[in-house]
Amino acid sequence: MRRGRLAALLEWSKPYREIIGILITIVVTVSGAVAWVVARVEATYATQSEVHYLDCRTQTNIKNALEPIQMGEYATKIDARNNQIRLLILRGDTSKETLASINELNDQITDLTDQQRTEDQRLQAEIANLASNCISVAPMLGAKSQP
């Protein structure tokens, strides 16, 4: 009975085969175009998110790498002042000018230490802010890869 229905359908569709073929071709083409556009848009979005995440992580890593260098600048200045104080003490000169120079160098060391602490806190906050921004982007990347 099924063969009879199938044969009847094929017999009935003979004059319309070209039209049916064209319609199927159009439907497949439109479906393929829509699928391509959707895939292209998702791939572009995923790529932009990944590039943003990579840029964010790179900035954070650069800041982390530069922090010791920036802090080393203060340490070098502080060491230079300490060495000047040692030289003045080793001379054995106890004049008012020498004592004033030692006091001034001590004040500079205190100021540099305060600046170093402030700069370190600022850099740590900046790095933490960059890292938190990177973490906020990361869930979007994971969401794209899940079915």
N, C-alpha and C. Protein backbone atom coordinates (compact mmCIF):
# COMPACT_ATOMS: atom_id res chain seq x y z
N MET A 1 0.81 -1.18 0.00
CA MET A 1 0.00 0.00 0.00
C MET A 1 0.87 1.26 0.00
N ARG A 2 1.98 1.17 0.76
CA ARG A 2 2.88 2.32 0.77
C ARG A 2 3.50 2.54 -0.59
N ARG A 3 3.87 1.45 -1.25
CA ARG A 3 4.48 1.60 -2.58
C ARG A 3 3.52 2.26 -3.55
N GLY A 4 2.29 1.96 -3.36
CA GLY A 4 1.29 2.56 -4.25
C GLY A 4 1.20 4.06 -4.04
N ARG A 5 1.26 4.48 -2.81
CA ARG A 5 1.19 5.92 -2.52
C ARG A 5 2.44 6.63 -3.03
N LEU A 6 3.61 6.00 -2.80
CA LEU A 6 4.86 6.59 -3.26
C LEU A 6 4.89 6.68 -4.78
N ALA A 7 4.44 5.63 -5.46
CA ALA A 7 4.40 5.64 -6.92
C ALA A 7 3.45 6.71 -7.41
N ALA A 8 2.32 6.86 -6.73
CA ALA A 8 1.35 7.88 -7.13
C ALA A 8 1.94 9.28 -6.94
N LEU A 9 2.68 9.47 -5.82
CA LEU A 9 3.30 10.77 -5.57
C LEU A 9 4.34 11.09 -6.63
N LEU A 10 5.17 10.09 -6.97
CA LEU A 10 6.19 10.31 -8.00
C LEU A 10 5.56 10.57 -9.36
N GLU A 11 4.51 9.87 -9.65
CA GLU A 11 3.81 10.08 -10.93
C GLU A 11 3.20 11.48 -10.97
N TRP A 12 2.62 11.88 -9.84
CA TRP A 12 1.98 13.20 -9.79
C TRP A 12 3.02 14.32 -9.89
N SER A 13 4.26 14.10 -9.34
CA SER A 13 5.26 15.16 -9.29
C SER A 13 6.08 15.30 -10.57
N LYS A 14 5.91 14.43 -11.56
CA LYS A 14 6.70 14.51 -12.80
C LYS A 14 6.63 15.88 -13.45
N PRO A 15 5.47 16.46 -13.64
CA PRO A 15 5.46 17.77 -14.31
C PRO A 15 6.05 18.89 -13.43
N TYR A 16 6.12 18.65 -12.12
CA TYR A 16 6.58 19.70 -11.21
C TYR A 16 8.01 19.48 -10.72
N ARG A 17 8.73 18.51 -11.24
CA ARG A 17 10.06 18.18 -10.74
C ARG A 17 11.03 19.36 -10.84
N GLU A 18 11.01 20.06 -11.91
CA GLU A 18 11.93 21.19 -12.06
C GLU A 18 11.61 22.28 -11.04
N ILE A 19 10.33 22.55 -10.86
CA ILE A 19 9.93 23.58 -9.90
C ILE A 19 10.30 23.14 -8.48
N ILE A 20 10.03 21.88 -8.15
CA ILE A 20 10.38 21.35 -6.83
C ILE A 20 11.89 21.41 -6.62
N GLY A 21 12.67 21.04 -7.63
CA GLY A 21 14.14 21.10 -7.54
C GLY A 21 14.63 22.52 -7.32
N ILE A 22 14.03 23.47 -8.03
CA ILE A 22 14.41 24.87 -7.86
C ILE A 22 14.06 25.36 -6.45
N LEU A 23 12.87 25.01 -5.96
CA LEU A 23 12.45 25.42 -4.62
C LEU A 23 13.37 24.82 -3.55
N ILE A 24 13.72 23.54 -3.70
CA ILE A 24 14.63 22.90 -2.75
C ILE A 24 15.99 23.59 -2.79
N THR A 25 16.47 23.91 -3.98
CA THR A 25 17.75 24.61 -4.12
C THR A 25 17.70 25.97 -3.43
N ILE A 26 16.60 26.70 -3.61
CA ILE A 26 16.46 28.01 -2.98
C ILE A 26 16.44 27.88 -1.45
N VAL A 27 15.67 26.92 -0.94
CA VAL A 27 15.59 26.72 0.51
C VAL A 27 16.96 26.35 1.08
N VAL A 28 17.67 25.45 0.42
CA VAL A 28 19.00 25.04 0.89
C VAL A 28 19.97 26.23 0.83
N THR A 29 19.91 27.02 -0.23
CA THR A 29 20.80 28.17 -0.37
C THR A 29 20.53 29.21 0.71
N VAL A 30 19.27 29.52 0.94
CA VAL A 30 18.92 30.50 1.98
C VAL A 30 19.32 29.98 3.36
N SER A 31 19.06 28.71 3.63
CA SER A 31 19.45 28.13 4.92
C SER A 31 20.97 28.18 5.10
N GLY A 32 21.70 27.85 4.07
CA GLY A 32 23.16 27.91 4.14
C GLY A 32 23.66 29.33 4.36
N ALA A 33 23.03 30.30 3.67
CA ALA A 33 23.44 31.70 3.84
C ALA A 33 23.18 32.17 5.27
N VAL A 34 22.02 31.83 5.81
CA VAL A 34 21.69 32.22 7.18
C VAL A 34 22.67 31.56 8.15
N ALA A 35 22.96 30.30 7.96
CA ALA A 35 23.91 29.59 8.84
C ALA A 35 25.29 30.22 8.75
N TRP A 36 25.71 30.60 7.55
CA TRP A 36 27.02 31.22 7.37
C TRP A 36 27.07 32.57 8.09
N VAL A 37 26.02 33.38 7.94
CA VAL A 37 25.99 34.69 8.59
C VAL A 37 26.03 34.54 10.11
N VAL A 38 25.24 33.63 10.64
CA VAL A 38 25.22 33.42 12.09
C VAL A 38 26.60 32.96 12.58
N ALA A 39 27.20 32.02 11.86
CA ALA A 39 28.53 31.53 12.25
C ALA A 39 29.56 32.65 12.16
N ARG A 40 29.47 33.46 11.14
CA ARG A 40 30.42 34.57 10.95
C ARG A 40 30.29 35.59 12.09
N VAL A 41 29.06 35.93 12.44
CA VAL A 41 28.84 36.90 13.52
C VAL A 41 29.35 36.34 14.84
N GLU A 42 29.06 35.09 15.15
CA GLU A 42 29.53 34.49 16.40
C GLU A 42 31.04 34.39 16.42
N ALA A 43 31.64 34.03 15.28
CA ALA A 43 33.10 33.93 15.23
C ALA A 43 33.73 35.29 15.41
N THR A 44 33.16 36.33 14.83
CA THR A 44 33.69 37.68 14.98
C THR A 44 33.59 38.12 16.43
N TYR A 45 32.46 37.87 17.06
CA TYR A 45 32.28 38.26 18.46
C TYR A 45 33.27 37.51 19.35
N ALA A 46 33.40 36.22 19.11
CA ALA A 46 34.33 35.43 19.93
C ALA A 46 35.75 35.92 19.73
N THR A 47 36.11 36.25 18.50
CA THR A 47 37.46 36.72 18.23
C THR A 47 37.71 38.05 18.92
N GLN A 48 36.74 38.96 18.86
CA GLN A 48 36.91 40.26 19.52
C GLN A 48 37.05 40.08 21.03
N SER A 49 36.26 39.20 21.60
CA SER A 49 36.35 38.96 23.05
C SER A 49 37.71 38.37 23.40
N GLU A 50 38.17 37.42 22.59
CA GLU A 50 39.46 36.80 22.87
C GLU A 50 40.60 37.80 22.74
N VAL A 51 40.52 38.67 21.72
CA VAL A 51 41.56 39.69 21.54
C VAL A 51 41.53 40.67 22.72
N HIS A 52 40.34 41.06 23.15
CA HIS A 52 40.23 41.97 24.30
C HIS A 52 40.82 41.31 25.55
N TYR A 53 40.50 40.04 25.75
CA TYR A 53 41.01 39.32 26.92
C TYR A 53 42.54 39.22 26.85
N LEU A 54 43.06 38.90 25.67
CA LEU A 54 44.51 38.80 25.50
C LEU A 54 45.17 40.15 25.77
N ASP A 55 44.59 41.22 25.24
CA ASP A 55 45.13 42.56 25.46
C ASP A 55 45.10 42.91 26.95
N CYS A 56 44.02 42.57 27.59
CA CYS A 56 43.88 42.84 29.02
C CYS A 56 44.94 42.09 29.83
N ARG A 57 45.11 40.81 29.55
CA ARG A 57 46.10 40.01 30.27
C ARG A 57 47.52 40.52 29.98
N THR A 58 47.77 40.93 28.73
CA THR A 58 49.09 41.44 28.38
C THR A 58 49.41 42.71 29.16
N GLN A 59 48.42 43.61 29.23
CA GLN A 59 48.63 44.84 30.01
C GLN A 59 48.92 44.53 31.47
N THR A 60 48.17 43.59 32.03
CA THR A 60 48.38 43.22 33.43
C THR A 60 49.78 42.63 33.62
N ASN A 61 50.19 41.77 32.71
CA ASN A 61 51.53 41.15 32.82
C ASN A 61 52.64 42.19 32.67
N ILE A 62 52.44 43.16 31.77
CA ILE A 62 53.45 44.21 31.60
C ILE A 62 53.55 45.05 32.87
N LYS A 63 52.40 45.42 33.42
CA LYS A 63 52.41 46.20 34.68
C LYS A 63 53.10 45.42 35.79
N ASN A 64 52.81 44.12 35.88
CA ASN A 64 53.45 43.28 36.91
C ASN A 64 54.96 43.23 36.70
N ALA A 65 55.39 43.16 35.44
CA ALA A 65 56.82 43.08 35.15
C ALA A 65 57.52 44.41 35.40
N LEU A 66 56.83 45.52 35.16
CA LEU A 66 57.45 46.83 35.33
C LEU A 66 57.46 47.32 36.77
N GLU A 67 56.61 46.75 37.60
CA GLU A 67 56.52 47.22 38.99
C GLU A 67 57.87 47.15 39.72
N PRO A 68 58.60 46.03 39.66
CA PRO A 68 59.89 46.01 40.36
C PRO A 68 60.88 47.03 39.80
N ILE A 69 60.80 47.29 38.51
CA ILE A 69 61.70 48.28 37.91
C ILE A 69 61.38 49.66 38.44
N GLN A 70 60.07 49.98 38.48
CA GLN A 70 59.67 51.29 38.99
C GLN A 70 60.00 51.44 40.47
N MET A 71 59.82 50.38 41.23
CA MET A 71 60.16 50.43 42.65
C MET A 71 61.68 50.46 42.84
N GLY A 72 62.42 49.85 41.92
CA GLY A 72 63.87 49.87 41.98
C GLY A 72 64.44 51.26 41.81
N GLU A 73 63.71 52.11 41.08
CA GLU A 73 64.15 53.49 40.91
C GLU A 73 64.21 54.20 42.27
N TYR A 74 63.18 54.01 43.07
CA TYR A 74 63.17 54.61 44.41
C TYR A 74 64.25 53.99 45.29
N ALA A 75 64.40 52.67 45.20
CA ALA A 75 65.41 51.99 46.02
C ALA A 75 66.81 52.50 45.69
N THR A 76 67.07 52.76 44.41
CA THR A 76 68.38 53.27 43.99
C THR A 76 68.61 54.67 44.57
N LYS A 77 67.59 55.51 44.50
CA LYS A 77 67.73 56.86 45.05
C LYS A 77 67.95 56.82 46.56
N ILE A 78 67.23 55.95 47.24
CA ILE A 78 67.38 55.82 48.69
C ILE A 78 68.78 55.31 49.04
N ASP A 79 69.25 54.31 48.29
CA ASP A 79 70.61 53.78 48.52
C ASP A 79 71.67 54.86 48.29
N ALA A 80 71.46 55.69 47.26
CA ALA A 80 72.43 56.75 46.99
C ALA A 80 72.49 57.73 48.16
N ARG A 81 71.33 58.09 48.72
CA ARG A 81 71.32 59.00 49.87
C ARG A 81 71.98 58.34 51.09
N ASN A 82 71.70 57.05 51.30
CA ASN A 82 72.34 56.33 52.42
C ASN A 82 73.85 56.30 52.26
N ASN A 83 74.32 56.09 51.03
CA ASN A 83 75.77 56.07 50.78
C ASN A 83 76.39 57.45 51.04
N GLN A 84 75.67 58.51 50.67
CA GLN A 84 76.18 59.86 50.94
C GLN A 84 76.28 60.10 52.44
N ILE A 85 75.27 59.62 53.18
CA ILE A 85 75.31 59.76 54.65
C ILE A 85 76.51 59.00 55.21
N ARG A 86 76.75 57.79 54.73
CA ARG A 86 77.88 56.98 55.21
C ARG A 86 79.21 57.69 54.94
N LEU A 87 79.33 58.27 53.73
CA LEU A 87 80.56 58.99 53.40
C LEU A 87 80.78 60.18 54.32
N LEU A 88 79.69 60.90 54.59
CA LEU A 88 79.82 62.06 55.49
C LEU A 88 80.21 61.62 56.90
N ILE A 89 79.65 60.50 57.35
CA ILE A 89 79.98 59.99 58.69
C ILE A 89 81.42 59.49 58.72
N LEU A 90 81.86 58.81 57.65
CA LEU A 90 83.23 58.28 57.61
C LEU A 90 84.28 59.39 57.60
N ARG A 91 83.92 60.54 57.09
CA ARG A 91 84.87 61.66 57.09
C ARG A 91 85.18 62.11 58.52
N GLY A 92 84.23 61.90 59.39
CA GLY A 92 84.45 62.30 60.78
C GLY A 92 84.23 63.78 61.02
N ASP A 93 83.73 64.46 60.01
CA ASP A 93 83.48 65.90 60.14
C ASP A 93 82.17 66.11 60.90
N THR A 94 82.23 66.84 61.99
CA THR A 94 81.04 67.07 62.81
C THR A 94 80.58 68.53 62.75
N SER A 95 80.91 69.18 61.66
CA SER A 95 80.51 70.59 61.53
C SER A 95 79.00 70.69 61.33
N LYS A 96 78.51 71.92 61.51
CA LYS A 96 77.07 72.15 61.37
C LYS A 96 76.61 71.87 59.94
N GLU A 97 77.44 72.19 58.96
CA GLU A 97 77.08 71.96 57.56
C GLU A 97 76.93 70.46 57.28
N THR A 98 77.84 69.67 57.82
CA THR A 98 77.78 68.22 57.63
C THR A 98 76.54 67.64 58.29
N LEU A 99 76.28 68.06 59.52
CA LEU A 99 75.09 67.57 60.22
C LEU A 99 73.81 68.01 59.51
N ALA A 100 73.82 69.23 58.97
CA ALA A 100 72.66 69.72 58.22
C ALA A 100 72.47 68.89 56.95
N SER A 101 73.59 68.55 56.29
CA SER A 101 73.51 67.71 55.08
C SER A 101 72.96 66.32 55.42
N ILE A 102 73.42 65.76 56.53
CA ILE A 102 72.94 64.44 56.95
C ILE A 102 71.44 64.49 57.25
N ASN A 103 71.01 65.55 57.96
CA ASN A 103 69.58 65.69 58.25
C ASN A 103 68.75 65.87 56.98
N GLU A 104 69.29 66.65 56.04
CA GLU A 104 68.58 66.85 54.77
C GLU A 104 68.49 65.54 53.99
N LEU A 105 69.58 64.78 53.98
CA LEU A 105 69.57 63.48 53.29
C LEU A 105 68.59 62.52 53.96
N ASN A 106 68.53 62.54 55.30
CA ASN A 106 67.54 61.71 56.01
C ASN A 106 66.11 62.11 55.66
N ASP A 107 65.87 63.43 55.55
CA ASP A 107 64.53 63.90 55.15
C ASP A 107 64.19 63.44 53.73
N GLN A 108 65.20 63.50 52.83
CA GLN A 108 64.98 63.04 51.46
C GLN A 108 64.67 61.54 51.44
N ILE A 109 65.38 60.79 52.27
CA ILE A 109 65.13 59.34 52.34
C ILE A 109 63.71 59.08 52.83
N THR A 110 63.27 59.82 53.83
CA THR A 110 61.90 59.66 54.33
C THR A 110 60.88 60.00 53.25
N ASP A 111 61.12 61.12 52.53
CA ASP A 111 60.21 61.51 51.45
C ASP A 111 60.18 60.45 50.34
N LEU A 112 61.36 59.96 49.97
CA LEU A 112 61.42 58.93 48.92
C LEU A 112 60.73 57.64 49.36
N THR A 113 60.88 57.28 50.62
CA THR A 113 60.21 56.08 51.14
C THR A 113 58.69 56.25 51.08
N ASP A 114 58.22 57.44 51.46
CA ASP A 114 56.78 57.71 51.39
C ASP A 114 56.29 57.68 49.94
N GLN A 115 57.06 58.29 49.03
CA GLN A 115 56.69 58.27 47.61
C GLN A 115 56.67 56.83 47.08
N GLN A 116 57.66 56.05 47.49
CA GLN A 116 57.73 54.66 47.05
C GLN A 116 56.50 53.89 47.53
N ARG A 117 56.13 54.07 48.77
CA ARG A 117 54.97 53.38 49.34
C ARG A 117 53.69 53.80 48.60
N THR A 118 53.54 55.10 48.36
CA THR A 118 52.36 55.61 47.64
C THR A 118 52.31 55.06 46.22
N GLU A 119 53.45 55.09 45.54
CA GLU A 119 53.51 54.59 44.16
C GLU A 119 53.23 53.09 44.12
N ASP A 120 53.75 52.36 45.08
CA ASP A 120 53.52 50.92 45.15
C ASP A 120 52.03 50.62 45.34
N GLN A 121 51.39 51.36 46.24
CA GLN A 121 49.95 51.16 46.45
C GLN A 121 49.15 51.50 45.20
N ARG A 122 49.55 52.58 44.52
CA ARG A 122 48.85 52.97 43.29
C ARG A 122 49.00 51.90 42.21
N LEU A 123 50.22 51.40 42.05
CA LEU A 123 50.46 50.35 41.05
C LEU A 123 49.72 49.07 41.39
N GLN A 124 49.71 48.70 42.66
CA GLN A 124 48.98 47.49 43.07
C GLN A 124 47.49 47.64 42.79
N ALA A 125 46.93 48.82 43.07
CA ALA A 125 45.51 49.06 42.79
C ALA A 125 45.23 49.02 41.29
N GLU A 126 46.14 49.58 40.50
CA GLU A 126 45.97 49.58 39.05
C GLU A 126 46.04 48.15 38.50
N ILE A 127 46.97 47.37 39.00
CA ILE A 127 47.10 45.97 38.57
C ILE A 127 45.87 45.18 38.98
N ALA A 128 45.39 45.39 40.20
CA ALA A 128 44.19 44.68 40.66
C ALA A 128 42.98 45.07 39.82
N ASN A 129 42.88 46.34 39.45
CA ASN A 129 41.78 46.80 38.61
C ASN A 129 41.85 46.16 37.23
N LEU A 130 43.04 46.13 36.64
CA LEU A 130 43.20 45.48 35.34
C LEU A 130 42.86 44.00 35.42
N ALA A 131 43.33 43.35 36.47
CA ALA A 131 43.06 41.92 36.62
C ALA A 131 41.57 41.65 36.79
N SER A 132 40.88 42.49 37.56
CA SER A 132 39.44 42.27 37.75
C SER A 132 38.69 42.51 36.45
N ASN A 133 39.14 43.46 35.62
CA ASN A 133 38.51 43.66 34.31
C ASN A 133 38.73 42.44 33.42
N CYS A 134 39.91 41.85 33.50
CA CYS A 134 40.18 40.65 32.71
C CYS A 134 39.29 39.50 33.17
N ILE A 135 39.12 39.37 34.47
CA ILE A 135 38.28 38.29 35.00
C ILE A 135 36.84 38.48 34.58
N SER A 136 36.38 39.73 34.50
CA SER A 136 34.99 39.98 34.09
C SER A 136 34.77 39.63 32.62
N VAL A 137 35.83 39.65 31.81
CA VAL A 137 35.71 39.28 30.40
C VAL A 137 35.78 37.77 30.23
N ALA A 138 36.50 37.09 31.11
CA ALA A 138 36.72 35.64 30.97
C ALA A 138 35.44 34.82 30.93
N PRO A 139 34.40 35.09 31.74
CA PRO A 139 33.18 34.27 31.65
C PRO A 139 32.53 34.34 30.27
N MET A 140 32.65 35.48 29.59
CA MET A 140 32.06 35.59 28.26
C MET A 140 32.75 34.63 27.30
N LEU A 141 34.05 34.46 27.45
CA LEU A 141 34.77 33.54 26.58
C LEU A 141 34.32 32.11 26.82
N GLY A 142 34.17 31.74 28.08
CA GLY A 142 33.73 30.39 28.41
C GLY A 142 32.31 30.13 27.94
N ALA A 143 31.45 31.13 27.99
CA ALA A 143 30.06 30.95 27.59
C ALA A 143 29.96 30.69 26.10
N LYS A 144 30.85 31.27 25.31
CA LYS A 144 30.80 31.07 23.87
C LYS A 144 31.20 29.65 23.48
N SER A 145 32.08 29.04 24.24
CA SER A 145 32.57 27.72 23.85
C SER A 145 31.65 26.59 24.29
N GLN A 146 30.68 26.88 25.15
CA GLN A 146 29.77 25.84 25.61
C GLN A 146 28.62 25.68 24.63
N PRO A 147 28.06 24.45 24.50
CA PRO A 147 26.96 24.25 23.56
C PRO A 147 25.69 24.91 24.03
